[in-house]
Amino acid sequence: MDELIKSFYANRDPQRAVGMAAYMKNQFSFLGISRPDRSLLQKDFIKRVRRQGEVDWQDVYRLWDLPEREFQYLALDYLVALKDSLQPEDIYHLQTLILMKSWWDTVDKLAAIPVGSICLQHPEVVQNCLLPWADSDNIWLARTAILYQLKFKSSTDTEVLSSIIEKNTNSKEFFINKAIGWALREYSKTDREWVREFVNTHTLAPLSIREASKYL
């Protein structure tokens, strides 16, 4: 891990970092490493992680605590590589990450892959955590609840999807209404008629309707 962190710093590009930070509303510092370059730098590390087969949360938190955003992206790739090894109790670690340095770039990937993977393998986590998150005043927990089934396709639990969206239809928050539309749009690729019926029978924000209707 130490050597990989050093290699990230050695490959920083201050000029590119300015543009990357601006794209994220200057909320985070960046090293200026492009995604393809980052993938090359971390390739061997991710291979070792897959062979390891178990999440070292100390390493994850170490990366999350570093100031430059690329290290949070590295932590995300680490978790994605080990998504099938995640256990129900790991949802609380993921909740901590969702609430730290929160923005769509990390939250959406956490929602769709690590959180989604745990929920697909351990449905009790949905009842214990995701449904309560849907009622949360924290927009990032609520957004995660809306998006965790994003990659489920035919495995989507439409009752849960409906319930979570219905808890948030009165929201004025951009990131919530965008997530509602995105979740419905993705599921419309699997069941267009279900989404059309849902949109027609619920009062949704114009943004949610626009996003949801893209493939209808």
C-alpha atoms as a PDB file:
ATOM      1  CA  MET A   1       0.000   0.000   0.000  1.00  0.00           C
ATOM      2  CA  ASP A   2       2.793   2.455   0.883  1.00  0.00           C
ATOM      3  CA  GLU A   3       4.477   1.995  -2.484  1.00  0.00           C
ATOM      4  CA  LEU A   4       1.219   2.446  -4.365  1.00  0.00           C
ATOM      5  CA  ILE A   5       0.467   5.667  -2.507  1.00  0.00           C
ATOM      6  CA  LYS A   6       3.961   6.918  -3.345  1.00  0.00           C
ATOM      7  CA  SER A   7       3.460   6.043  -7.010  1.00  0.00           C
ATOM      8  CA  PHE A   8       0.226   8.045  -7.089  1.00  0.00           C
ATOM      9  CA  TYR A   9       2.015  11.098  -5.728  1.00  0.00           C
ATOM     10  CA  ALA A  10       4.910  10.572  -8.147  1.00  0.00           C
ATOM     11  CA  ASN A  11       2.486  10.662 -11.093  1.00  0.00           C
ATOM     12  CA  ARG A  12       0.557  13.756 -10.116  1.00  0.00           C
ATOM     13  CA  ASP A  13      -0.294  16.314 -12.791  1.00  0.00           C
ATOM     14  CA  PRO A  14      -1.038  19.689 -11.152  1.00  0.00           C
ATOM     15  CA  GLN A  15      -2.415  21.220 -14.338  1.00  0.00           C
ATOM     16  CA  ARG A  16      -4.925  18.421 -14.895  1.00  0.00           C
ATOM     17  CA  ALA A  17      -5.755  18.470 -11.176  1.00  0.00           C
ATOM     18  CA  VAL A  18      -7.165  21.989 -11.509  1.00  0.00           C
ATOM     19  CA  GLY A  19      -9.725  20.882 -14.079  1.00  0.00           C
ATOM     20  CA  MET A  20     -10.638  17.731 -12.166  1.00  0.00           C
ATOM     21  CA  ALA A  21     -11.231  19.729  -8.989  1.00  0.00           C
ATOM     22  CA  ALA A  22     -13.338  22.283 -10.870  1.00  0.00           C
ATOM     23  CA  TYR A  23     -15.533  19.484 -12.270  1.00  0.00           C
ATOM     24  CA  MET A  24     -16.273  18.444  -8.680  1.00  0.00           C
ATOM     25  CA  LYS A  25     -17.130  22.030  -7.682  1.00  0.00           C
ATOM     26  CA  ASN A  26     -13.717  22.397  -5.997  1.00  0.00           C
ATOM     27  CA  GLN A  27     -14.861  20.327  -3.041  1.00  0.00           C
ATOM     28  CA  PHE A  28     -11.837  18.012  -3.153  1.00  0.00           C
ATOM     29  CA  SER A  29      -8.147  18.125  -3.949  1.00  0.00           C
ATOM     30  CA  PHE A  30      -6.925  16.015  -6.861  1.00  0.00           C
ATOM     31  CA  LEU A  31      -3.570  14.659  -7.938  1.00  0.00           C
ATOM     32  CA  GLY A  32      -4.563  15.038 -11.568  1.00  0.00           C
ATOM     33  CA  ILE A  33      -4.270  11.344 -12.489  1.00  0.00           C
ATOM     34  CA  SER A  34      -6.624  10.263 -15.267  1.00  0.00           C
ATOM     35  CA  ARG A  35      -8.693   7.131 -14.843  1.00  0.00           C
ATOM     36  CA  PRO A  36      -6.684   5.116 -17.434  1.00  0.00           C
ATOM     37  CA  ASP A  37      -3.409   6.115 -15.781  1.00  0.00           C
ATOM     38  CA  ARG A  38      -4.778   5.314 -12.345  1.00  0.00           C
ATOM     39  CA  SER A  39      -5.907   1.889 -13.555  1.00  0.00           C
ATOM     40  CA  LEU A  40      -2.392   1.126 -14.755  1.00  0.00           C
ATOM     41  CA  LEU A  41      -0.812   2.265 -11.500  1.00  0.00           C
ATOM     42  CA  GLN A  42      -3.125   0.146  -9.354  1.00  0.00           C
ATOM     43  CA  LYS A  43      -3.418  -2.893 -11.627  1.00  0.00           C
ATOM     44  CA  ASP A  44      -1.076  -5.190  -9.690  1.00  0.00           C
ATOM     45  CA  PHE A  45      -2.483  -4.050  -6.356  1.00  0.00           C
ATOM     46  CA  ILE A  46      -6.056  -4.883  -7.401  1.00  0.00           C
ATOM     47  CA  LYS A  47      -4.912  -8.314  -8.612  1.00  0.00           C
ATOM     48  CA  ARG A  48      -3.397  -9.005  -5.188  1.00  0.00           C
ATOM     49  CA  VAL A  49      -6.571  -7.788  -3.505  1.00  0.00           C
ATOM     50  CA  ARG A  50      -8.692 -10.256  -5.480  1.00  0.00           C
ATOM     51  CA  ARG A  51      -6.417 -13.113  -4.422  1.00  0.00           C
ATOM     52  CA  GLN A  52      -6.573 -11.887  -0.834  1.00  0.00           C
ATOM     53  CA  GLY A  53     -10.353 -12.341  -0.841  1.00  0.00           C
ATOM     54  CA  GLU A  54     -11.041 -10.337   2.316  1.00  0.00           C
ATOM     55  CA  VAL A  55     -11.554  -6.634   2.953  1.00  0.00           C
ATOM     56  CA  ASP A  56      -8.993  -4.924   5.151  1.00  0.00           C
ATOM     57  CA  TRP A  57     -11.064  -2.010   6.420  1.00  0.00           C
ATOM     58  CA  GLN A  58      -8.002  -0.372   7.926  1.00  0.00           C
ATOM     59  CA  ASP A  59      -6.598   0.003   4.401  1.00  0.00           C
ATOM     60  CA  VAL A  60      -9.925   1.320   3.100  1.00  0.00           C
ATOM     61  CA  TYR A  61     -10.173   3.979   5.805  1.00  0.00           C
ATOM     62  CA  ARG A  62      -6.538   4.918   5.313  1.00  0.00           C
ATOM     63  CA  LEU A  63      -7.222   5.652   1.652  1.00  0.00           C
ATOM     64  CA  TRP A  64     -10.461   7.465   2.448  1.00  0.00           C
ATOM     65  CA  ASP A  65      -8.654   9.734   4.903  1.00  0.00           C
ATOM     66  CA  LEU A  66      -6.043  10.877   2.392  1.00  0.00           C
ATOM     67  CA  PRO A  67      -6.826  14.347   1.017  1.00  0.00           C
ATOM     68  CA  GLU A  68      -6.658  13.685  -2.723  1.00  0.00           C
ATOM     69  CA  ARG A  69      -9.783  12.287  -4.369  1.00  0.00           C
ATOM     70  CA  GLU A  70      -7.950   9.637  -6.384  1.00  0.00           C
ATOM     71  CA  PHE A  71      -7.344   7.738  -3.153  1.00  0.00           C
ATOM     72  CA  GLN A  72     -11.081   7.482  -2.522  1.00  0.00           C
ATOM     73  CA  TYR A  73     -11.429   6.169  -6.080  1.00  0.00           C
ATOM     74  CA  LEU A  74      -8.734   3.592  -5.316  1.00  0.00           C
ATOM     75  CA  ALA A  75     -10.635   2.534  -2.190  1.00  0.00           C
ATOM     76  CA  LEU A  76     -13.789   2.159  -4.283  1.00  0.00           C
ATOM     77  CA  ASP A  77     -11.994  -0.040  -6.818  1.00  0.00           C
ATOM     78  CA  TYR A  78     -10.646  -2.091  -3.911  1.00  0.00           C
ATOM     79  CA  LEU A  79     -14.187  -2.653  -2.607  1.00  0.00           C
ATOM     80  CA  VAL A  80     -15.534  -3.454  -6.065  1.00  0.00           C
ATOM     81  CA  ALA A  81     -12.813  -6.086  -6.485  1.00  0.00           C
ATOM     82  CA  LEU A  82     -13.958  -7.701  -3.224  1.00  0.00           C
ATOM     83  CA  LYS A  83     -17.707  -7.132  -3.562  1.00  0.00           C
ATOM     84  CA  ASP A  84     -18.504 -10.850  -3.399  1.00  0.00           C
ATOM     85  CA  SER A  85     -16.614 -11.150  -0.106  1.00  0.00           C
ATOM     86  CA  LEU A  86     -18.616  -8.468   1.683  1.00  0.00           C
ATOM     87  CA  GLN A  87     -20.657  -9.575   4.686  1.00  0.00           C
ATOM     88  CA  PRO A  88     -23.885  -8.104   6.118  1.00  0.00           C
ATOM     89  CA  GLU A  89     -22.037  -6.333   8.927  1.00  0.00           C
ATOM     90  CA  ASP A  90     -19.897  -4.531   6.346  1.00  0.00           C
ATOM     91  CA  ILE A  91     -22.908  -2.366   5.508  1.00  0.00           C
ATOM     92  CA  TYR A  92     -22.016  -0.231   8.528  1.00  0.00           C
ATOM     93  CA  HIS A  93     -18.522   0.400   7.162  1.00  0.00           C
ATOM     94  CA  LEU A  94     -20.091   1.373   3.844  1.00  0.00           C
ATOM     95  CA  GLN A  95     -22.477   3.699   5.659  1.00  0.00           C
ATOM     96  CA  THR A  96     -19.479   5.418   7.235  1.00  0.00           C
ATOM     97  CA  LEU A  97     -17.905   5.923   3.807  1.00  0.00           C
ATOM     98  CA  ILE A  98     -21.160   7.263   2.366  1.00  0.00           C
ATOM     99  CA  LEU A  99     -21.199   9.899   5.091  1.00  0.00           C
ATOM    100  CA  MET A 100     -17.523  10.872   4.707  1.00  0.00           C
ATOM    101  CA  LYS A 101     -16.470  13.270   1.938  1.00  0.00           C
ATOM    102  CA  SER A 102     -19.909  12.754   0.408  1.00  0.00           C
ATOM    103  CA  TRP A 103     -20.518  13.564  -3.232  1.00  0.00           C
ATOM    104  CA  TRP A 104     -22.122  11.762  -6.153  1.00  0.00           C
ATOM    105  CA  ASP A 105     -18.849  10.396  -7.546  1.00  0.00           C
ATOM    106  CA  THR A 106     -18.217   8.142  -4.547  1.00  0.00           C
ATOM    107  CA  VAL A 107     -21.753   7.654  -3.241  1.00  0.00           C
ATOM    108  CA  ASP A 108     -23.159   6.371  -6.533  1.00  0.00           C
ATOM    109  CA  LYS A 109     -20.476   3.723  -6.943  1.00  0.00           C
ATOM    110  CA  LEU A 110     -20.809   2.654  -3.315  1.00  0.00           C
ATOM    111  CA  ALA A 111     -24.571   2.360  -3.804  1.00  0.00           C
ATOM    112  CA  ALA A 112     -24.586   0.421  -7.054  1.00  0.00           C
ATOM    113  CA  ILE A 113     -21.818  -2.082  -6.365  1.00  0.00           C
ATOM    114  CA  PRO A 114     -20.693  -2.747  -2.758  1.00  0.00           C
ATOM    115  CA  VAL A 115     -24.036  -1.871  -1.143  1.00  0.00           C
ATOM    116  CA  GLY A 116     -25.984  -3.494  -3.965  1.00  0.00           C
ATOM    117  CA  SER A 117     -23.897  -6.653  -3.758  1.00  0.00           C
ATOM    118  CA  ILE A 118     -24.484  -7.045  -0.019  1.00  0.00           C
ATOM    119  CA  CYS A 119     -28.226  -6.470  -0.414  1.00  0.00           C
ATOM    120  CA  LEU A 120     -28.532  -8.940  -3.272  1.00  0.00           C
ATOM    121  CA  GLN A 121     -26.769 -11.660  -1.287  1.00  0.00           C
ATOM    122  CA  HIS A 122     -28.254 -10.747   2.104  1.00  0.00           C
ATOM    123  CA  PRO A 123     -31.809  -9.366   1.666  1.00  0.00           C
ATOM    124  CA  GLU A 124     -32.206  -8.818   5.404  1.00  0.00           C
ATOM    125  CA  VAL A 125     -29.872  -5.833   5.049  1.00  0.00           C
ATOM    126  CA  VAL A 126     -32.543  -4.099   2.963  1.00  0.00           C
ATOM    127  CA  GLN A 127     -35.049  -4.241   5.811  1.00  0.00           C
ATOM    128  CA  ASN A 128     -32.519  -3.423   8.503  1.00  0.00           C
ATOM    129  CA  CYS A 129     -30.636  -0.610   6.760  1.00  0.00           C
ATOM    130  CA  LEU A 130     -31.745   0.437   3.283  1.00  0.00           C
ATOM    131  CA  LEU A 131     -35.400   1.090   4.109  1.00  0.00           C
ATOM    132  CA  PRO A 132     -34.443   3.231   7.120  1.00  0.00           C
ATOM    133  CA  TRP A 133     -31.902   5.056   4.932  1.00  0.00           C
ATOM    134  CA  ALA A 134     -34.713   5.902   2.523  1.00  0.00           C
ATOM    135  CA  ASP A 135     -36.313   7.922   5.345  1.00  0.00           C
ATOM    136  CA  SER A 136     -33.060   9.618   6.312  1.00  0.00           C
ATOM    137  CA  ASP A 137     -32.634  13.380   6.336  1.00  0.00           C
ATOM    138  CA  ASN A 138     -29.171  12.754   4.916  1.00  0.00           C
ATOM    139  CA  ILE A 139     -29.538  13.006   1.147  1.00  0.00           C
ATOM    140  CA  TRP A 140     -26.632  10.640   0.474  1.00  0.00           C
ATOM    141  CA  LEU A 141     -28.108   7.801   2.524  1.00  0.00           C
ATOM    142  CA  ALA A 142     -31.480   8.360   0.843  1.00  0.00           C
ATOM    143  CA  ARG A 143     -29.828   8.475  -2.596  1.00  0.00           C
ATOM    144  CA  THR A 144     -28.020   5.220  -1.829  1.00  0.00           C
ATOM    145  CA  ALA A 145     -31.319   3.570  -0.909  1.00  0.00           C
ATOM    146  CA  ILE A 146     -32.840   4.705  -4.206  1.00  0.00           C
ATOM    147  CA  LEU A 147     -29.889   3.526  -6.291  1.00  0.00           C
ATOM    148  CA  TYR A 148     -28.719   0.284  -4.669  1.00  0.00           C
ATOM    149  CA  GLN A 149     -30.739  -1.854  -7.136  1.00  0.00           C
ATOM    150  CA  LEU A 150     -29.363   0.022 -10.147  1.00  0.00           C
ATOM    151  CA  LYS A 151     -27.651  -3.068 -11.591  1.00  0.00           C
ATOM    152  CA  PHE A 152     -30.188  -5.670 -10.461  1.00  0.00           C
ATOM    153  CA  LYS A 153     -32.166  -5.841 -13.734  1.00  0.00           C
ATOM    154  CA  SER A 154     -34.611  -8.779 -13.447  1.00  0.00           C
ATOM    155  CA  SER A 155     -33.616  -9.282  -9.792  1.00  0.00           C
ATOM    156  CA  THR A 156     -35.039  -5.871  -8.883  1.00  0.00           C
ATOM    157  CA  ASP A 157     -37.538  -5.973  -6.031  1.00  0.00           C
ATOM    158  CA  THR A 158     -40.155  -3.596  -7.421  1.00  0.00           C
ATOM    159  CA  GLU A 159     -42.077  -3.437  -4.146  1.00  0.00           C
ATOM    160  CA  VAL A 160     -38.980  -2.160  -2.386  1.00  0.00           C
ATOM    161  CA  LEU A 161     -38.138   0.180  -5.263  1.00  0.00           C
ATOM    162  CA  SER A 162     -41.669   1.617  -5.140  1.00  0.00           C
ATOM    163  CA  SER A 163     -41.576   2.010  -1.376  1.00  0.00           C
ATOM    164  CA  ILE A 164     -38.226   3.787  -1.367  1.00  0.00           C
ATOM    165  CA  ILE A 165     -39.183   6.149  -4.179  1.00  0.00           C
ATOM    166  CA  GLU A 166     -42.555   6.918  -2.581  1.00  0.00           C
ATOM    167  CA  LYS A 167     -40.761   7.947   0.616  1.00  0.00           C
ATOM    168  CA  ASN A 168     -38.890  10.585  -1.402  1.00  0.00           C
ATOM    169  CA  THR A 169     -41.346  11.917  -3.985  1.00  0.00           C
ATOM    170  CA  ASN A 170     -41.903  15.152  -2.046  1.00  0.00           C
ATOM    171  CA  SER A 171     -38.216  15.995  -2.009  1.00  0.00           C
ATOM    172  CA  LYS A 172     -37.013  19.265  -3.524  1.00  0.00           C
ATOM    173  CA  GLU A 173     -33.429  18.016  -3.508  1.00  0.00           C
ATOM    174  CA  PHE A 174     -31.807  17.739  -6.949  1.00  0.00           C
ATOM    175  CA  PHE A 175     -29.735  14.678  -6.044  1.00  0.00           C
ATOM    176  CA  ILE A 176     -32.813  12.813  -4.799  1.00  0.00           C
ATOM    177  CA  ASN A 177     -35.024  13.623  -7.776  1.00  0.00           C
ATOM    178  CA  LYS A 178     -32.207  12.828 -10.183  1.00  0.00           C
ATOM    179  CA  ALA A 179     -31.667   9.470  -8.454  1.00  0.00           C
ATOM    180  CA  ILE A 180     -35.366   8.595  -8.665  1.00  0.00           C
ATOM    181  CA  GLY A 181     -35.357   9.225 -12.401  1.00  0.00           C
ATOM    182  CA  TRP A 182     -32.109   7.327 -12.881  1.00  0.00           C
ATOM    183  CA  ALA A 183     -33.324   4.269 -10.953  1.00  0.00           C
ATOM    184  CA  LEU A 184     -36.549   4.173 -12.972  1.00  0.00           C
ATOM    185  CA  ARG A 185     -34.722   4.731 -16.261  1.00  0.00           C
ATOM    186  CA  GLU A 186     -32.374   1.825 -15.581  1.00  0.00           C
ATOM    187  CA  TYR A 187     -35.217  -0.488 -14.638  1.00  0.00           C
ATOM    188  CA  SER A 188     -37.139   0.532 -17.766  1.00  0.00           C
ATOM    189  CA  LYS A 189     -34.463  -1.346 -19.742  1.00  0.00           C
ATOM    190  CA  THR A 190     -35.774  -4.494 -18.024  1.00  0.00           C
ATOM    191  CA  ASP A 191     -39.499  -3.746 -17.634  1.00  0.00           C
ATOM    192  CA  ARG A 192     -40.631  -0.727 -19.619  1.00  0.00           C
ATOM    193  CA  GLU A 193     -44.323  -1.256 -18.875  1.00  0.00           C
ATOM    194  CA  TRP A 194     -43.789  -1.343 -15.110  1.00  0.00           C
ATOM    195  CA  VAL A 195     -41.909   1.952 -15.206  1.00  0.00           C
ATOM    196  CA  ARG A 196     -44.469   3.558 -17.513  1.00  0.00           C
ATOM    197  CA  GLU A 197     -47.256   2.548 -15.127  1.00  0.00           C
ATOM    198  CA  PHE A 198     -45.292   3.828 -12.137  1.00  0.00           C
ATOM    199  CA  VAL A 199     -44.618   7.207 -13.748  1.00  0.00           C
ATOM    200  CA  ASN A 200     -48.263   7.550 -14.788  1.00  0.00           C
ATOM    201  CA  THR A 201     -49.635   6.746 -11.334  1.00  0.00           C
ATOM    202  CA  HIS A 202     -47.260   8.746  -9.124  1.00  0.00           C
ATOM    203  CA  THR A 203     -46.634  12.441  -8.676  1.00  0.00           C
ATOM    204  CA  LEU A 204     -42.960  12.859  -9.459  1.00  0.00           C
ATOM    205  CA  ALA A 205     -40.720  15.881  -9.873  1.00  0.00           C
ATOM    206  CA  PRO A 206     -40.313  17.015 -13.502  1.00  0.00           C
ATOM    207  CA  LEU A 207     -36.628  16.043 -13.347  1.00  0.00           C
ATOM    208  CA  SER A 208     -37.527  12.522 -12.215  1.00  0.00           C
ATOM    209  CA  ILE A 209     -40.112  12.157 -14.976  1.00  0.00           C
ATOM    210  CA  ARG A 210     -37.708  13.400 -17.621  1.00  0.00           C
ATOM    211  CA  GLU A 211     -34.986  10.989 -16.544  1.00  0.00           C
ATOM    212  CA  ALA A 212     -37.356   8.045 -16.092  1.00  0.00           C
ATOM    213  CA  SER A 213     -39.006   8.514 -19.488  1.00  0.00           C
ATOM    214  CA  LYS A 214     -35.883   8.393 -21.631  1.00  0.00           C
ATOM    215  CA  TYR A 215     -36.528   4.835 -22.891  1.00  0.00           C
ATOM    216  CA  LEU A 216     -40.316   4.742 -22.571  1.00  0.00           C
END
